């Protein structure tokens, strides 16, 4: 700040949101297995799936 001692440092909204979003997604990724277990999503009940979800799930099971 020697060149411009009276300059004010600012951050733009886009970068603030981008950094906050990245931090949030990192935190969710790290806790996802615990979240799935807590809400009971670790097991799949095929009866509760939509048609599209069931097709996706059946493809997953074949692989």
Protein backbone atom coordinates (compact mmCIF):
# COMPACT_ATOMS: atom_id res chain seq x y z
CA UNK A 1 0.00 0.00 0.00
CA UNK A 2 2.98 2.31 -0.33
CA UNK A 3 2.02 3.43 -3.80
CA UNK A 4 -1.53 4.40 -2.81
CA UNK A 5 -1.65 4.91 0.97
CA UNK A 6 -5.22 6.26 0.87
CA UNK A 7 -6.63 3.47 -1.30
CA UNK A 8 -9.48 1.41 0.13
CA UNK A 9 -9.41 -2.33 -0.47
CA UNK A 10 -12.77 -3.74 -1.54
CA UNK A 11 -14.11 -7.14 -2.50
CA UNK A 12 -16.67 -7.57 -5.22
CA UNK A 13 -19.91 -9.46 -4.61
CA UNK A 14 -19.22 -12.14 -7.23
CA UNK A 15 -15.96 -13.29 -5.61
CA UNK A 16 -17.47 -13.22 -2.13
CA UNK A 17 -20.36 -15.41 -3.27
CA UNK A 18 -18.09 -17.72 -5.26
CA UNK A 19 -15.80 -18.28 -2.27
CA UNK A 20 -18.71 -18.77 0.14
CA UNK A 21 -20.34 -21.23 -2.27
CA UNK A 22 -17.13 -23.23 -2.65
CA UNK A 23 -16.65 -23.38 1.12
CA UNK A 24 -20.26 -24.52 1.62
CA UNK A 25 -19.97 -27.25 -1.02
CA UNK A 26 -16.70 -28.49 0.48
CA UNK A 27 -18.33 -28.72 3.92
CA UNK A 28 -21.34 -30.60 2.53
CA UNK A 29 -19.13 -33.04 0.60
CA UNK A 30 -17.12 -33.80 3.74
CA UNK A 31 -20.26 -34.53 5.79
CA UNK A 32 -22.43 -36.17 3.14
CA UNK A 33 -22.11 -39.74 4.40
CA UNK A 34 -23.06 -38.64 7.92
CA UNK A 35 -25.98 -36.61 6.57
CA UNK A 36 -27.27 -39.58 4.54
CA UNK A 37 -27.07 -41.84 7.58
CA UNK A 38 -28.83 -39.28 9.80
CA UNK A 39 -31.78 -38.87 7.44
CA UNK A 40 -32.00 -42.57 6.59
CA UNK A 41 -30.97 -42.11 2.99
CA UNK A 42 -28.27 -44.77 3.18
CA UNK A 43 -30.85 -47.34 2.06
CA UNK A 44 -33.10 -46.99 -0.96
CA UNK A 45 -36.77 -47.96 -0.90
CA UNK A 46 -37.64 -48.62 -4.57
CA UNK A 47 -41.36 -48.18 -3.80
CA UNK A 48 -40.79 -44.49 -3.03
CA UNK A 49 -38.88 -43.71 -6.23
CA UNK A 50 -40.35 -41.94 -9.22
CA UNK A 51 -40.25 -43.74 -12.56
CA UNK A 52 -37.14 -41.80 -13.64
CA UNK A 53 -35.42 -42.41 -10.30
CA UNK A 54 -36.25 -46.12 -10.48
CA UNK A 55 -34.70 -46.40 -13.96
CA UNK A 56 -31.57 -44.64 -12.72
CA UNK A 57 -31.41 -46.86 -9.63
CA UNK A 58 -31.86 -50.06 -11.66
CA UNK A 59 -29.04 -48.99 -13.96
CA UNK A 60 -26.88 -48.36 -10.88
CA UNK A 61 -27.64 -51.87 -9.57
CA UNK A 62 -26.72 -53.46 -12.93
CA UNK A 63 -23.30 -51.80 -12.84
